[in-house]
Amino acid sequence: MKSLRELYTIGRGPSSSHTIGPARACGLFREEHPDADSFQVTLYGSLAKTGRGHLTDVAVRDAFAPLDVEIVWDPDRADIPHPNTMDLRAFRNGGEIAFMQALSVGGGAIRIPGRPDTEKPEIYPHESWAEIADCCHARRMRLTDYVEEREGKDIWPYLFSIWSIMKKTVADGLTHTGTLPGGLEVERKAQHLYNQRHIDESRETRQNRLVCSYAFAVAEQNASGGVIVTAPTCGSCGVMPAALLYMQEDRGFSDEQMIRALAAGGLVGDLIKRNASISGAECGCQAEIGTACSMTAAALGELFEMGLGQIEYAAEVAMEHHLGLTCDPIAGLVQIPCIERNAVAAMRAINALSLANFLSDSRKISLDTVIHTMYETGRDLNRLYRETAEGGLAKNYRPDR
């Protein structure tokens, strides 16, 4: 598995697969062909179907500016290696001088077929939870010790920067009101949730309100093209900051404890990325929101110093109950149902933590099994429910009712 630096990245929304990934591919292609005077980018699959709502064209033009770039939208081609496939061509004096195909595989990561030189190095030798747990048990290590051994001590300053951006995004989102861009006239609700204390507010109600307000804050920043952290994607970026920040404020955890929690959660995200997918276009929203919830549950388990079995149970429960979740964004925007899903998943991660505290000894399903199941389920989903905006809520939504 690759470094957590490849999982937690800082970028602009609204979609890591549709903006960050394509921008990276275009940046690489432009850098490799400085003598080109114009470019053409052909977008296929989900990139073509929801690219306008996800601002893919904006990301592509920004990556090549001020040079000319022609964008070709081809949503119908079926023989592509990944739902987020793009072809890039460079021209000079009207003639084609270079070609590259790129796959945006989720979380802003790209894959260039036939180009192993563009792949980041493998950091972790183990590729399943069982292998990692066996290693940690045998050497009496916590997950965070395992991360430090493989990544080096400089992973902690990096994760501190990630945690700082997560908190800043929450704070920024809570200061904004008004309507999100895109034409759906979706109103920002984070500040309202944060300020509107219930007249008879219990501790549980307060927790739900604040966690939801934090998740809305981050997801609304993402939807408006703000700076966020992929955790593991832009569309699911509000889950982890919401649950973790609430716990820090409520329980007084230090920033050092929080970044160790990020490390544990990141390992789960890496496992899912390696053995399944974090791409909504490939496996539906279960791959994005489900993964974010699973990562967050594991991070909370580390925060409360749970054992490996309890952390596994929390992560497994969090993913299991997102199995089959479709990706059906209305108008191709990362707004409905995406923003609310971030809030619901953040609360579900906290619930998974509570269950793990009591029931981990009785579990029947392993984390490795549920990850494999998620991948099979995602590949079996009808393509209309994998980030095409052609099925589900995207199909049935009517603005007048």
Protein backbone atom coordinates (compact mmCIF):
# COMPACT_ATOMS: atom_id res chain seq x y z
CA MET A 1 0.00 0.00 0.00
CA LYS A 2 1.08 3.56 -0.63
CA SER A 3 1.78 6.37 1.81
CA LEU A 4 -1.00 8.08 3.73
CA ARG A 5 0.18 11.20 1.91
CA GLU A 6 -1.54 9.77 -1.17
CA LEU A 7 -4.80 9.28 0.75
CA TYR A 8 -5.00 12.56 2.65
CA THR A 9 -4.44 15.33 0.13
CA ILE A 10 -5.27 19.03 0.21
CA GLY A 11 -7.13 20.40 -2.79
CA ARG A 12 -10.16 22.26 -4.06
CA GLY A 13 -13.60 20.71 -4.41
CA PRO A 14 -16.01 19.64 -5.47
CA SER A 15 -14.75 16.22 -6.66
CA SER A 16 -11.38 14.57 -6.23
CA SER A 17 -12.04 12.21 -9.15
CA HIS A 18 -13.37 14.95 -11.41
CA THR A 19 -11.20 17.94 -10.48
CA ILE A 20 -8.07 17.02 -8.52
CA GLY A 21 -7.29 13.87 -10.53
CA PRO A 22 -7.81 15.38 -13.99
CA ALA A 23 -5.87 18.50 -12.97
CA ARG A 24 -2.95 16.31 -11.92
CA ALA A 25 -3.03 14.38 -15.18
CA CYS A 26 -3.15 17.59 -17.21
CA GLY A 27 -0.36 19.12 -15.17
CA LEU A 28 1.87 16.10 -15.73
CA PHE A 29 1.13 16.03 -19.47
CA ARG A 30 1.83 19.73 -19.86
CA GLU A 31 5.08 19.44 -17.89
CA GLU A 32 6.26 16.58 -20.10
CA HIS A 33 5.51 18.50 -23.32
CA PRO A 34 6.63 22.09 -22.82
CA ASP A 35 7.02 22.58 -26.57
CA ALA A 36 3.30 22.07 -27.26
CA ASP A 37 1.25 25.11 -28.21
CA SER A 38 -2.22 23.57 -27.73
CA PHE A 39 -3.90 20.53 -26.20
CA GLN A 40 -7.01 18.38 -26.51
CA VAL A 41 -8.63 16.46 -23.64
CA THR A 42 -11.33 13.88 -24.27
CA LEU A 43 -13.43 12.93 -21.25
CA TYR A 44 -15.21 9.56 -21.09
CA GLY A 45 -17.65 7.81 -18.78
CA SER A 46 -18.49 9.54 -15.54
CA LEU A 47 -16.07 12.37 -16.32
CA ALA A 48 -18.18 13.17 -19.37
CA LYS A 49 -21.57 12.54 -17.77
CA THR A 50 -21.10 14.65 -14.63
CA GLY A 51 -17.99 16.65 -15.50
CA ARG A 52 -19.80 19.94 -16.02
CA GLY A 53 -21.50 19.78 -12.63
CA HIS A 54 -18.24 18.65 -11.02
CA LEU A 55 -16.26 21.47 -12.74
CA THR A 56 -13.96 19.10 -14.61
CA ASP A 57 -13.77 21.50 -17.53
CA VAL A 58 -12.71 24.30 -15.19
CA ALA A 59 -9.98 22.13 -13.66
CA VAL A 60 -8.70 21.12 -17.11
CA ARG A 61 -8.62 24.68 -18.47
CA ASP A 62 -6.89 25.97 -15.33
CA ALA A 63 -4.23 23.25 -15.62
CA PHE A 64 -3.34 24.29 -19.18
CA ALA A 65 -3.84 28.07 -18.89
CA PRO A 66 -2.96 30.24 -20.68
CA LEU A 67 -2.51 27.73 -23.52
CA ASP A 68 -5.48 26.64 -25.63
CA VAL A 69 -7.20 23.37 -24.76
CA GLU A 70 -10.12 21.75 -26.56
CA ILE A 71 -12.38 19.63 -24.35
CA VAL A 72 -14.30 16.79 -26.00
CA TRP A 73 -17.17 15.19 -24.07
CA ASP A 74 -17.74 11.51 -24.97
CA PRO A 75 -20.19 9.94 -22.48
CA ASP A 76 -21.13 6.97 -24.66
CA ARG A 77 -17.88 5.13 -25.27
CA ALA A 78 -18.01 1.81 -23.39
CA ASP A 79 -14.60 0.21 -24.02
CA ILE A 80 -12.68 2.23 -21.42
CA PRO A 81 -10.48 0.78 -18.66
CA HIS A 82 -12.07 2.86 -15.87
CA PRO A 83 -15.27 4.94 -15.57
CA ASN A 84 -13.09 8.02 -15.11
CA THR A 85 -10.92 7.80 -18.23
CA MET A 86 -9.46 10.70 -20.18
CA ASP A 87 -7.29 10.96 -23.31
CA LEU A 88 -4.82 13.82 -23.62
CA ARG A 89 -3.21 15.02 -26.86
CA ALA A 90 -0.53 17.66 -27.38
CA PHE A 91 -0.14 19.66 -30.60
CA ARG A 92 2.45 21.91 -32.14
CA ASN A 93 1.89 23.90 -35.31
CA GLY A 94 -1.35 21.97 -35.86
CA GLY A 95 0.22 18.50 -35.67
CA GLU A 96 -0.15 15.96 -32.87
CA ILE A 97 3.13 15.38 -31.03
CA ALA A 98 2.07 13.32 -28.00
CA PHE A 99 -0.73 11.20 -26.54
CA MET A 100 -1.45 9.96 -23.01
CA GLN A 101 -4.37 8.15 -21.43
CA ALA A 102 -5.06 8.78 -17.75
CA LEU A 103 -7.43 7.17 -15.25
CA SER A 104 -8.74 9.16 -12.29
CA VAL A 105 -9.13 6.30 -9.82
CA GLY A 106 -10.47 8.12 -6.77
CA GLY A 107 -9.31 10.51 -4.09
CA GLY A 108 -7.41 12.58 -6.65
CA ALA A 109 -5.07 9.71 -7.55
CA ILE A 110 -4.30 9.02 -11.19
CA ARG A 111 -3.03 5.97 -13.03
CA ILE A 112 -1.26 6.14 -16.39
CA PRO A 113 -1.47 2.78 -18.22
CA GLY A 114 1.96 1.58 -19.26
CA ARG A 115 3.73 4.21 -17.15
CA PRO A 116 5.01 2.58 -13.94
CA ASP A 117 7.33 5.57 -13.54
CA THR A 118 4.33 7.69 -12.56
CA GLU A 119 3.32 5.36 -9.71
CA LYS A 120 4.15 6.32 -6.13
CA PRO A 121 6.24 3.78 -4.17
CA GLU A 122 4.71 1.09 -1.99
CA ILE A 123 5.21 1.91 1.71
CA TYR A 124 3.32 -0.83 3.49
CA PRO A 125 4.20 -4.52 2.92
CA HIS A 126 0.86 -5.83 4.25
CA GLU A 127 -2.30 -5.66 2.16
CA SER A 128 -5.04 -6.90 4.51
CA TRP A 129 -6.27 -6.04 7.97
CA ALA A 130 -5.47 -9.59 9.10
CA GLU A 131 -1.83 -9.18 8.08
CA ILE A 132 -1.51 -5.80 9.76
CA ALA A 133 -3.20 -7.02 12.93
CA ASP A 134 -0.97 -10.12 13.09
CA CYS A 135 2.11 -7.93 12.72
CA CYS A 136 0.95 -5.55 15.45
CA HIS A 137 -0.02 -8.36 17.83
CA ALA A 138 3.28 -10.18 17.33
CA ARG A 139 5.30 -7.03 18.01
CA ARG A 140 2.96 -5.50 20.60
CA MET A 141 2.48 -2.40 18.48
CA ARG A 142 -0.45 -0.07 18.08
CA LEU A 143 -1.55 0.87 14.59
CA THR A 144 0.10 4.25 15.00
CA ASP A 145 3.45 2.62 15.80
CA TYR A 146 3.10 0.56 12.65
CA VAL A 147 2.42 3.72 10.61
CA GLU A 148 5.46 5.50 12.05
CA GLU A 149 7.71 2.50 11.36
CA ARG A 150 6.69 2.40 7.69
CA GLU A 151 6.33 6.13 7.00
CA GLY A 152 9.00 7.59 9.27
CA LYS A 153 8.61 10.25 11.93
CA ASP A 154 8.01 12.95 9.33
CA ILE A 155 4.52 11.56 8.79
CA TRP A 156 3.42 13.35 11.98
CA PRO A 157 4.11 16.92 10.78
CA TYR A 158 2.31 16.03 7.55
CA LEU A 159 -0.74 14.71 9.41
CA PHE A 160 -0.65 17.78 11.66
CA SER A 161 -0.99 19.96 8.53
CA ILE A 162 -3.87 17.75 7.40
CA TRP A 163 -5.62 18.12 10.76
CA SER A 164 -5.07 21.88 10.70
CA ILE A 165 -6.74 22.18 7.29
CA MET A 166 -9.62 19.97 8.40
CA LYS A 167 -10.30 22.25 11.38
CA LYS A 168 -9.94 25.38 9.27
CA THR A 169 -12.42 24.08 6.72
CA VAL A 170 -14.98 23.50 9.47
CA ALA A 171 -14.40 27.01 10.81
CA ASP A 172 -14.61 28.57 7.35
CA GLY A 173 -17.78 26.68 6.49
CA LEU A 174 -19.49 27.85 9.68
CA THR A 175 -18.94 31.50 8.73
CA HIS A 176 -20.72 31.27 5.37
CA THR A 177 -24.39 31.61 4.52
CA GLY A 178 -26.24 31.98 1.24
CA THR A 179 -26.76 29.71 -1.75
CA LEU A 180 -24.32 27.19 -3.20
CA PRO A 181 -23.34 27.58 -6.88
CA GLY A 182 -24.64 25.24 -9.56
CA GLY A 183 -28.27 26.18 -10.10
CA LEU A 184 -30.05 23.96 -7.56
CA GLU A 185 -30.42 26.91 -5.16
CA VAL A 186 -29.24 24.78 -2.22
CA GLU A 187 -28.91 26.95 0.87
CA ARG A 188 -25.97 26.59 3.21
CA LYS A 189 -27.22 25.14 6.51
CA ALA A 190 -24.06 24.64 8.60
CA GLN A 191 -24.26 27.94 10.46
CA HIS A 192 -27.97 27.46 11.15
CA LEU A 193 -27.36 24.01 12.62
CA TYR A 194 -24.50 25.30 14.74
CA ASN A 195 -26.39 28.25 16.20
CA GLN A 196 -29.91 26.91 16.61
CA ARG A 197 -29.81 25.29 20.02
CA HIS A 198 -32.90 23.17 20.72
CA ILE A 199 -35.22 24.60 23.37
CA ASP A 200 -34.90 21.41 25.44
CA GLU A 201 -31.52 20.19 24.19
CA SER A 202 -30.18 17.00 25.70
CA ARG A 203 -26.50 16.02 25.51
CA GLU A 204 -27.32 13.59 22.71
CA THR A 205 -29.23 16.21 20.74
CA ARG A 206 -26.37 18.65 21.13
CA GLN A 207 -23.89 16.05 19.88
CA ASN A 208 -25.99 15.31 16.81
CA ARG A 209 -26.51 19.00 16.06
CA LEU A 210 -22.84 19.93 16.34
CA VAL A 211 -21.52 16.90 14.47
CA CYS A 212 -23.99 17.59 11.67
CA SER A 213 -23.12 21.29 11.56
CA TYR A 214 -19.41 20.46 11.21
CA ALA A 215 -20.08 17.92 8.46
CA PHE A 216 -22.32 20.38 6.61
CA ALA A 217 -19.67 23.08 6.97
CA VAL A 218 -16.97 21.00 5.26
CA ALA A 219 -19.26 19.51 2.61
CA GLU A 220 -20.64 22.95 1.74
CA GLN A 221 -17.12 24.33 1.41
CA ASN A 222 -16.35 21.46 -0.92
CA ALA A 223 -19.49 22.04 -2.98
CA SER A 224 -18.49 25.68 -3.46
CA GLY A 225 -14.98 24.79 -4.65
CA GLY A 226 -13.26 25.55 -1.35
CA VAL A 227 -10.09 23.97 0.03
CA ILE A 228 -10.66 20.62 1.73
CA VAL A 229 -8.83 17.41 2.64
CA THR A 230 -9.69 14.25 0.73
CA ALA A 231 -10.71 11.74 3.39
CA PRO A 232 -10.73 9.71 1.28
CA THR A 233 -12.45 11.85 -1.42
CA CYS A 234 -13.84 15.35 -1.85
CA GLY A 235 -17.43 14.11 -1.84
CA SER A 236 -16.93 12.44 1.55
CA CYS A 237 -14.57 15.02 3.05
CA GLY A 238 -16.89 16.13 5.86
CA VAL A 239 -17.27 12.84 7.73
CA MET A 240 -13.90 12.56 9.47
CA PRO A 241 -13.42 16.24 10.43
CA ALA A 242 -16.94 16.42 11.88
CA ALA A 243 -16.73 13.41 14.19
CA LEU A 244 -13.12 13.95 15.24
CA LEU A 245 -13.41 17.68 15.92
CA TYR A 246 -16.52 17.14 18.02
CA MET A 247 -14.68 14.55 20.11
CA GLN A 248 -11.66 16.81 20.53
CA GLU A 249 -13.80 19.68 21.75
CA ASP A 250 -16.00 17.50 23.93
CA ARG A 251 -13.29 15.34 25.50
CA GLY A 252 -10.24 17.58 25.37
CA PHE A 253 -8.03 15.39 23.19
CA SER A 254 -4.74 16.95 22.15
CA ASP A 255 -3.75 17.59 18.54
CA GLU A 256 -1.11 14.87 18.93
CA GLN A 257 -3.85 12.38 19.80
CA MET A 258 -5.91 13.56 16.84
CA ILE A 259 -3.16 13.02 14.29
CA ARG A 260 -2.54 9.53 15.65
CA ALA A 261 -6.24 8.90 15.13
CA LEU A 262 -5.86 10.12 11.53
CA ALA A 263 -3.05 7.61 11.04
CA ALA A 264 -5.18 4.68 12.21
CA GLY A 265 -8.13 5.77 10.10
CA GLY A 266 -5.84 6.28 7.13
CA LEU A 267 -4.68 2.67 7.28
CA VAL A 268 -8.29 1.53 6.87
CA GLY A 269 -8.73 3.92 3.96
CA ASP A 270 -5.57 2.58 2.35
CA LEU A 271 -6.82 -1.00 2.71
CA ILE A 272 -10.10 -0.12 1.02
CA LYS A 273 -8.31 1.80 -1.72
CA ARG A 274 -6.00 -1.17 -2.35
CA ASN A 275 -8.51 -4.02 -2.14
CA ALA A 276 -11.70 -2.36 -3.37
CA SER A 277 -12.23 1.24 -4.51
CA ILE A 278 -12.82 4.76 -3.20
CA SER A 279 -14.31 5.89 -6.53
CA GLY A 280 -18.02 6.63 -6.72
CA ALA A 281 -17.87 6.14 -10.48
CA GLU A 282 -16.53 2.63 -9.99
CA CYS A 283 -18.42 1.37 -6.92
CA GLY A 284 -21.10 3.89 -5.97
CA CYS A 285 -21.29 6.10 -2.91
CA GLN A 286 -20.51 3.17 -0.61
CA ALA A 287 -16.94 3.55 -1.87
CA GLU A 288 -16.82 7.19 -0.79
CA ILE A 289 -19.16 7.79 2.16
CA GLY A 290 -18.87 4.17 3.30
CA THR A 291 -15.09 4.37 3.30
CA ALA A 292 -15.09 7.73 5.07
CA CYS A 293 -17.37 6.33 7.77
CA SER A 294 -15.17 3.25 8.18
CA MET A 295 -12.01 5.38 8.40
CA THR A 296 -13.64 7.65 10.95
CA ALA A 297 -14.84 4.77 13.12
CA ALA A 298 -11.31 3.32 13.16
CA ALA A 299 -9.85 6.75 13.98
CA LEU A 300 -12.28 7.14 16.88
CA GLY A 301 -11.31 3.67 18.10
CA GLU A 302 -7.65 4.71 18.18
CA LEU A 303 -8.58 7.99 19.87
CA PHE A 304 -10.23 6.07 22.71
CA GLU A 305 -7.31 3.60 22.85
CA MET A 306 -9.37 0.58 21.87
CA GLY A 307 -7.77 -2.75 21.05
CA LEU A 308 -7.21 -3.96 17.52
CA GLY A 309 -10.30 -6.18 17.60
CA GLN A 310 -12.51 -3.30 18.67
CA ILE A 311 -11.07 -0.95 16.06
CA GLU A 312 -11.65 -3.59 13.38
CA TYR A 313 -15.23 -4.10 14.53
CA ALA A 314 -15.95 -0.36 14.47
CA ALA A 315 -14.55 -0.03 10.94
CA GLU A 316 -16.38 -3.13 9.73
CA VAL A 317 -19.76 -2.07 11.13
CA ALA A 318 -19.36 1.39 9.61
CA MET A 319 -18.76 -0.04 6.14
CA GLU A 320 -21.22 -2.92 6.36
CA HIS A 321 -24.19 -0.62 6.81
CA HIS A 322 -23.33 1.44 3.77
CA LEU A 323 -23.20 -1.55 1.41
CA GLY A 324 -25.15 -0.88 -1.76
CA LEU A 325 -25.26 2.90 -1.31
CA THR A 326 -25.69 4.41 -4.76
CA CYS A 327 -24.06 7.51 -6.20
CA ASP A 328 -26.86 9.55 -7.81
CA PRO A 329 -25.96 13.24 -7.54
CA ILE A 330 -28.70 15.56 -8.71
CA ALA A 331 -27.55 17.62 -11.72
CA GLY A 332 -24.10 16.10 -11.34
CA LEU A 333 -23.40 18.42 -8.40
CA VAL A 334 -21.82 17.32 -5.12
CA GLN A 335 -24.76 18.71 -3.13
CA ILE A 336 -27.88 16.51 -3.05
CA PRO A 337 -27.73 13.95 -1.46
CA CYS A 338 -23.99 14.29 -0.82
CA ILE A 339 -23.95 16.98 1.89
CA GLU A 340 -26.51 15.30 4.14
CA ARG A 341 -24.78 11.95 3.68
CA ASN A 342 -21.61 13.39 5.19
CA ALA A 343 -23.55 14.32 8.33
CA VAL A 344 -25.36 10.99 8.62
CA ALA A 345 -22.12 9.05 8.13
CA ALA A 346 -20.32 11.09 10.80
CA MET A 347 -23.00 10.20 13.34
CA ARG A 348 -22.96 6.59 12.19
CA ALA A 349 -19.21 6.41 12.80
CA ILE A 350 -19.79 7.49 16.41
CA ASN A 351 -22.51 4.83 16.72
CA ALA A 352 -20.12 2.21 15.34
CA LEU A 353 -17.60 3.21 18.00
CA SER A 354 -20.22 2.65 20.71
CA LEU A 355 -21.14 -0.78 19.36
CA ALA A 356 -17.49 -1.78 19.21
CA ASN A 357 -17.12 -0.96 22.88
CA PHE A 358 -19.67 -3.64 23.75
CA LEU A 359 -19.90 -6.19 20.96
CA SER A 360 -16.51 -6.71 19.32
CA ASP A 361 -16.05 -10.14 20.94
CA SER A 362 -19.18 -11.45 19.22
CA ARG A 363 -18.49 -10.28 15.66
CA LYS A 364 -18.83 -12.72 12.76
CA ILE A 365 -17.68 -10.58 9.81
CA SER A 366 -14.10 -9.43 9.36
CA LEU A 367 -13.09 -6.04 7.98
CA ASP A 368 -11.33 -7.78 5.08
CA THR A 369 -14.56 -9.61 4.22
CA VAL A 370 -16.69 -6.47 4.20
CA ILE A 371 -14.13 -4.63 2.05
CA HIS A 372 -14.20 -7.46 -0.50
CA THR A 373 -17.99 -7.49 -0.36
CA MET A 374 -18.17 -3.75 -0.94
CA TYR A 375 -16.08 -4.08 -4.09
CA GLU A 376 -18.22 -6.92 -5.46
CA THR A 377 -21.41 -5.02 -4.62
CA GLY A 378 -20.12 -1.89 -6.30
CA ARG A 379 -19.16 -3.68 -9.49
CA ASP A 380 -22.61 -5.32 -9.56
CA LEU A 381 -24.43 -1.98 -9.27
CA ASN A 382 -26.18 -0.86 -12.41
CA ARG A 383 -23.99 1.78 -14.07
CA LEU A 384 -26.82 4.33 -13.67
CA TYR A 385 -26.12 4.32 -9.94
CA ARG A 386 -22.38 4.92 -10.20
CA GLU A 387 -21.92 8.69 -10.49
CA THR A 388 -23.61 9.16 -13.84
CA ALA A 389 -26.49 11.38 -12.60
CA GLU A 390 -28.80 9.22 -14.75
CA GLY A 391 -30.58 7.15 -12.10
CA GLY A 392 -32.07 7.32 -8.60
CA LEU A 393 -32.57 10.76 -7.12
CA ALA A 394 -30.87 12.40 -10.09
CA LYS A 395 -33.49 10.91 -12.41
CA ASN A 396 -36.56 11.41 -10.21
CA TYR A 397 -35.83 14.88 -8.82
CA ARG A 398 -38.24 17.60 -9.94
CA PRO A 399 -37.60 21.17 -8.74
CA ASP A 400 -41.33 21.91 -8.58
CA ARG A 401 -42.27 19.19 -6.08
